[in-house]
């Protein structure tokens, strides 16, 4: 169970759609796939253990590390 929670929800294939409070973090080794992560708003994340990650083809996202 822990493994699936850590992987998170995949973005919708092709569109990159994620639920309203998250954004798609595109995976650098597979440009068609990504994982839904919390949005980074004004450089801050909902969890203090997460950092704000920028990406070339999408909105900033929060994660424990940047892809």
Protein backbone atom coordinates (compact mmCIF):
# COMPACT_ATOMS: atom_id res chain seq x y z
CA UNK A 1 0.00 0.00 0.00
CA UNK A 2 2.81 2.41 0.82
CA UNK A 3 4.29 2.03 -2.66
CA UNK A 4 1.12 3.12 -4.44
CA UNK A 5 0.72 6.12 -2.15
CA UNK A 6 4.27 7.23 -2.85
CA UNK A 7 3.81 6.97 -6.60
CA UNK A 8 0.66 9.05 -6.51
CA UNK A 9 -2.03 9.57 -9.09
CA UNK A 10 -0.97 9.54 -12.72
CA UNK A 11 -1.87 12.49 -14.92
CA UNK A 12 -4.42 11.78 -17.63
CA UNK A 13 -2.52 10.41 -20.61
CA UNK A 14 -2.22 12.92 -23.46
CA UNK A 15 -3.82 15.89 -21.70
CA UNK A 16 -1.93 15.98 -18.40
CA UNK A 17 -5.18 16.57 -16.54
CA UNK A 18 -5.10 16.34 -12.73
CA UNK A 19 -7.75 17.06 -10.07
CA UNK A 20 -8.26 20.72 -9.18
CA UNK A 21 -5.77 21.03 -6.31
CA UNK A 22 -2.90 19.35 -8.12
CA UNK A 23 -0.79 19.82 -11.22
CA UNK A 24 0.95 17.40 -13.53
CA UNK A 25 4.63 16.82 -12.80
CA UNK A 26 5.95 15.59 -16.14
CA UNK A 27 8.55 12.84 -15.94
CA UNK A 28 11.79 13.78 -17.74
CA UNK A 29 12.47 10.25 -19.00
CA UNK A 30 8.96 9.91 -20.46
CA UNK A 31 7.52 13.21 -21.74
CA UNK A 32 4.05 11.71 -22.25
CA UNK A 33 3.60 10.66 -18.63
CA UNK A 34 3.52 12.43 -15.31
CA UNK A 35 2.25 12.27 -11.75
CA UNK A 36 -0.24 14.57 -10.08
CA UNK A 37 1.42 16.58 -7.34
CA UNK A 38 0.21 19.46 -5.13
CA UNK A 39 0.46 22.86 -6.77
CA UNK A 40 3.21 25.24 -5.76
CA UNK A 41 1.57 28.63 -5.13
CA UNK A 42 3.77 31.72 -4.81
CA UNK A 43 6.78 29.51 -4.13
CA UNK A 44 5.19 27.71 -1.19
CA UNK A 45 3.88 24.19 -0.66
CA UNK A 46 1.10 22.91 1.63
CA UNK A 47 3.58 20.63 3.40
CA UNK A 48 6.79 22.01 4.91
CA UNK A 49 8.59 18.78 4.00
CA UNK A 50 8.08 19.49 0.29
CA UNK A 51 9.94 21.82 -2.05
CA UNK A 52 8.65 23.82 -5.00
CA UNK A 53 9.80 22.38 -8.32
CA UNK A 54 9.65 24.19 -11.65
CA UNK A 55 9.41 22.39 -14.96
CA UNK A 56 9.85 23.51 -18.58
CA UNK A 57 6.44 22.35 -19.84
CA UNK A 58 4.07 22.84 -16.95
CA UNK A 59 3.10 24.61 -13.76
CA UNK A 60 5.30 24.48 -10.63
CA UNK A 61 4.58 21.54 -8.35
CA UNK A 62 5.44 20.39 -4.83
CA UNK A 63 7.29 17.20 -4.04
CA UNK A 64 9.99 15.83 -1.71
CA UNK A 65 12.36 16.00 -4.72
CA UNK A 66 12.23 17.36 -8.26
CA UNK A 67 11.99 15.01 -11.23
